[in-house]
Amino acid sequence: LPLYDAACQVAQEVAERIQERSRYQRNGESSAKLNVIIRSSLQNLREKIDQLRDSLLRAVSTHQITQLEGDRRQNLVDDLLTRQKQLEASYKNEGPEPDVIRSSLMTGGVKRGVTNPWLLEEPEETRGLGFGDLRQQQRRIIEEQDAGLDALSSIISRQKQMGQEIGNELDEQNEIIDDLTNLVENTDDKLRNQTRHVKMVDKKSTSCG
């Protein structure tokens, strides 16, 4: 499985290089260096696919994996082999345009009921971009995310400070309310005592009269 992932990565890189070479050719620039890199990468891809087939054959024959899993992996290898042939044809300008090959690599497909797990649908904003452009775009996205996180952190800090200030204000208000409650209770006790005293004086006054 790690070897399969590595082969898929090489196939994707080849598609990127072919597309980059196509841009150079349209602009009248030399693409000799890219041709050397593409040929070497295609050879590397062929070797990895051969290793995959040999490893898969050994795994099935020695019962390291079930026959069902072997069939599933064989479908993936067959699909990768198809991609390799498409890339070679595109490199020799005998097949679809590099953009078509790259889209095929990125979007994937279903073969014999099995979906290739490494193939994802490429978003519109990354189509036509090379490695350098993709890295620059990824760097810009990370910077924007960092700026957003900094702003979010600042907002959370302000909210925390406001929450602490509100908590302190509530504590002060509760103390004031407690003081008022005690004052009201003391005043109420004094009023009751004075009322009893007045009643006693009035009663005595009435008796004397």
Protein backbone atom coordinates (compact mmCIF):
# COMPACT_ATOMS: atom_id res chain seq x y z
CA LEU A 1 0.00 0.00 0.00
CA PRO A 2 2.80 2.55 0.69
CA LEU A 3 4.37 1.59 -2.65
CA TYR A 4 1.01 2.13 -4.35
CA ASP A 5 0.70 5.57 -2.76
CA ALA A 6 4.22 6.42 -3.95
CA ALA A 7 3.38 5.31 -7.49
CA CYS A 8 0.24 7.44 -7.48
CA GLN A 9 2.30 10.44 -6.37
CA VAL A 10 4.77 9.88 -9.21
CA ALA A 11 1.90 9.66 -11.71
CA GLN A 12 0.48 12.93 -10.48
CA GLU A 13 3.88 14.62 -10.68
CA VAL A 14 4.33 13.38 -14.26
CA ALA A 15 0.97 14.87 -15.21
CA GLU A 16 2.04 18.17 -13.68
CA ARG A 17 5.35 18.12 -15.57
CA ILE A 18 3.66 17.34 -18.89
CA GLN A 19 1.29 20.22 -18.36
CA GLU A 20 4.20 22.51 -17.50
CA ARG A 21 6.00 21.40 -20.65
CA SER A 22 2.89 22.21 -22.68
CA ARG A 23 2.91 25.75 -21.28
CA TYR A 24 6.57 26.13 -22.19
CA GLN A 25 5.89 24.97 -25.73
CA ARG A 26 3.00 27.41 -26.13
CA ASN A 27 5.24 30.24 -24.93
CA GLY A 28 8.10 29.20 -27.22
CA GLU A 29 10.39 28.30 -24.31
CA SER A 30 12.76 25.35 -24.19
CA SER A 31 11.35 22.21 -22.57
CA ALA A 32 14.39 19.93 -22.97
CA LYS A 33 15.08 19.80 -19.23
CA LEU A 34 11.46 18.91 -18.51
CA ASN A 35 11.56 16.13 -21.10
CA VAL A 36 14.49 14.54 -19.27
CA ILE A 37 12.64 14.78 -15.95
CA ILE A 38 9.43 13.37 -17.45
CA ARG A 39 11.22 10.41 -19.07
CA SER A 40 12.97 9.60 -15.80
CA SER A 41 9.70 9.87 -13.84
CA LEU A 42 7.87 7.65 -16.34
CA GLN A 43 10.59 5.03 -15.98
CA ASN A 44 10.27 5.29 -12.21
CA LEU A 45 6.51 4.88 -12.51
CA ARG A 46 6.86 1.77 -14.69
CA GLU A 47 9.26 0.22 -12.17
CA LYS A 48 6.91 0.93 -9.29
CA ILE A 49 3.97 -0.61 -11.13
CA ASP A 50 6.06 -3.73 -11.85
CA GLN A 51 6.97 -3.94 -8.17
CA LEU A 52 3.32 -3.55 -7.26
CA ARG A 53 2.27 -6.40 -9.50
CA ASP A 54 5.01 -8.68 -8.15
CA SER A 55 4.19 -7.81 -4.53
CA LEU A 56 0.49 -8.34 -5.11
CA LEU A 57 1.11 -11.71 -6.75
CA ARG A 58 3.23 -12.85 -3.79
CA ALA A 59 0.67 -11.58 -1.28
CA VAL A 60 -2.15 -13.49 -2.95
CA SER A 61 -0.17 -16.70 -3.56
CA THR A 62 1.07 -16.84 0.05
CA HIS A 63 -2.42 -15.97 1.41
CA GLN A 64 -1.19 -12.81 3.14
CA ILE A 65 -4.40 -11.20 1.93
CA THR A 66 -7.74 -12.66 0.89
CA GLN A 67 -8.65 -13.23 -2.73
CA LEU A 68 -11.29 -10.51 -2.49
CA GLU A 69 -8.72 -8.01 -1.24
CA GLY A 70 -6.34 -9.19 -3.94
CA ASP A 71 -8.96 -8.47 -6.60
CA ARG A 72 -9.57 -5.02 -5.14
CA ARG A 73 -5.89 -4.17 -5.21
CA GLN A 74 -5.51 -5.61 -8.70
CA ASN A 75 -8.22 -3.20 -9.87
CA LEU A 76 -6.24 -0.32 -8.40
CA VAL A 77 -3.03 -1.46 -10.09
CA ASP A 78 -4.84 -1.88 -13.43
CA ASP A 79 -6.23 1.63 -13.09
CA LEU A 80 -2.78 2.98 -12.31
CA LEU A 81 -1.37 1.13 -15.33
CA THR A 82 -4.00 2.80 -17.51
CA ARG A 83 -2.95 6.19 -16.17
CA GLN A 84 0.68 5.38 -16.92
CA LYS A 85 -0.14 4.52 -20.53
CA GLN A 86 -2.16 7.74 -20.87
CA LEU A 87 0.76 9.75 -19.52
CA GLU A 88 3.21 8.11 -21.92
CA ALA A 89 0.89 8.80 -24.85
CA SER A 90 0.50 12.41 -23.76
CA TYR A 91 4.26 12.76 -23.37
CA LYS A 92 4.71 11.55 -26.95
CA ASN A 93 1.82 13.82 -28.04
CA GLU A 94 -0.10 10.75 -29.15
CA GLY A 95 -3.00 11.02 -26.73
CA PRO A 96 -5.24 13.54 -24.95
CA GLU A 97 -3.93 16.95 -23.96
CA PRO A 98 -2.08 17.19 -20.61
CA ASP A 99 -5.05 18.97 -19.04
CA VAL A 100 -7.24 15.98 -19.90
CA ILE A 101 -4.69 13.55 -18.47
CA ARG A 102 -4.32 15.62 -15.32
CA SER A 103 -8.08 15.82 -14.91
CA SER A 104 -8.26 12.06 -15.39
CA LEU A 105 -5.63 11.54 -12.71
CA MET A 106 -7.22 13.93 -10.27
CA THR A 107 -10.87 12.96 -10.75
CA GLY A 108 -10.40 9.20 -11.06
CA GLY A 109 -13.21 6.86 -11.87
CA VAL A 110 -14.91 3.57 -11.14
CA LYS A 111 -13.58 0.38 -12.62
CA ARG A 112 -15.29 -2.93 -12.13
CA GLY A 113 -17.23 -1.49 -9.25
CA VAL A 114 -14.15 -0.28 -7.33
CA THR A 115 -13.43 3.37 -6.70
CA ASN A 116 -9.80 4.35 -6.60
CA PRO A 117 -9.25 5.80 -3.10
CA TRP A 118 -6.37 8.12 -3.99
CA LEU A 119 -8.21 9.96 -6.74
CA LEU A 120 -10.11 13.03 -5.59
CA GLU A 121 -12.02 15.57 -7.60
CA GLU A 122 -9.76 18.52 -8.26
CA PRO A 123 -11.33 21.87 -7.35
CA GLU A 124 -11.81 24.45 -10.06
CA GLU A 125 -9.37 26.94 -8.50
CA THR A 126 -6.39 24.54 -8.79
CA ARG A 127 -6.89 23.40 -12.37
CA GLY A 128 -4.12 24.52 -14.66
CA LEU A 129 -1.71 25.31 -11.81
CA GLY A 130 1.79 23.88 -11.58
CA PHE A 131 3.69 22.79 -8.49
CA GLY A 132 5.05 26.26 -7.80
CA ASP A 133 1.64 27.86 -8.25
CA LEU A 134 0.03 25.27 -5.98
CA ARG A 135 2.65 25.80 -3.28
CA GLN A 136 2.21 29.56 -3.50
CA GLN A 137 -1.57 29.20 -3.30
CA GLN A 138 -1.28 26.86 -0.33
CA ARG A 139 1.09 29.28 1.40
CA ARG A 140 -1.35 32.14 0.84
CA ILE A 141 -4.24 30.08 2.21
CA ILE A 142 -2.20 29.19 5.32
CA GLU A 143 -1.33 32.85 5.86
CA GLU A 144 -4.99 33.82 5.57
CA GLN A 145 -5.93 31.08 8.03
CA ASP A 146 -3.25 32.27 10.46
CA ALA A 147 -4.55 35.84 10.20
CA GLY A 148 -8.08 34.59 10.84
CA LEU A 149 -6.92 32.61 13.86
CA ASP A 150 -5.10 35.66 15.23
CA ALA A 151 -8.25 37.75 14.85
CA LEU A 152 -10.33 35.02 16.49
CA SER A 153 -7.84 34.78 19.35
CA SER A 154 -8.02 38.56 19.86
CA ILE A 155 -11.83 38.45 19.92
CA ILE A 156 -11.83 35.59 22.42
CA SER A 157 -9.36 37.47 24.64
CA ARG A 158 -11.57 40.57 24.60
CA GLN A 159 -14.64 38.48 25.40
CA LYS A 160 -12.78 36.82 28.26
CA GLN A 161 -11.79 40.22 29.65
CA MET A 162 -15.36 41.49 29.31
CA GLY A 163 -16.61 38.38 31.07
CA GLN A 164 -14.20 38.94 33.94
CA GLU A 165 -15.24 42.59 34.24
CA ILE A 166 -18.92 41.62 34.23
CA GLY A 167 -18.21 39.00 36.89
CA ASN A 168 -16.43 41.58 39.07
CA GLU A 169 -19.32 44.04 38.61
CA LEU A 170 -21.82 41.36 39.60
CA ASP A 171 -19.80 40.57 42.72
CA GLU A 172 -19.85 44.26 43.69
CA GLN A 173 -23.58 44.51 43.01
CA ASN A 174 -24.21 41.42 45.13
CA GLU A 175 -22.27 42.96 48.02
CA ILE A 176 -24.33 46.16 47.71
CA ILE A 177 -27.54 44.12 47.69
CA ASP A 178 -26.40 42.21 50.78
CA ASP A 179 -25.64 45.50 52.56
CA LEU A 180 -29.07 46.87 51.60
CA THR A 181 -30.75 43.71 52.81
CA ASN A 182 -29.01 43.95 56.17
CA LEU A 183 -29.89 47.64 56.42
CA VAL A 184 -33.56 46.95 55.63
CA GLU A 185 -33.69 44.16 58.21
CA ASN A 186 -32.13 46.40 60.87
CA THR A 187 -34.54 49.21 60.03
CA ASP A 188 -37.48 46.80 60.16
CA ASP A 189 -36.38 45.55 63.59
CA LYS A 190 -36.15 49.15 64.86
CA LEU A 191 -39.62 49.96 63.47
CA ARG A 192 -41.13 46.96 65.23
CA ASN A 193 -39.47 47.93 68.51
CA GLN A 194 -40.67 51.52 68.23
CA THR A 195 -44.17 50.32 67.39
CA ARG A 196 -44.26 48.13 70.50
CA HIS A 197 -42.96 51.02 72.59
CA VAL A 198 -45.61 53.38 71.24
CA LYS A 199 -48.33 50.83 71.98
CA MET A 200 -47.09 50.43 75.54
CA VAL A 201 -47.01 54.20 76.08
CA ASP A 202 -50.48 54.56 74.62
CA LYS A 203 -51.79 51.79 76.82
CA LYS A 204 -50.30 53.34 79.94
CA SER A 205 -51.68 56.72 78.95
CA THR A 206 -55.13 55.27 78.54
CA SER A 207 -54.91 53.53 81.93
CA CYS A 208 -53.88 56.73 83.65
CA GLY A 209 -56.71 58.59 82.09
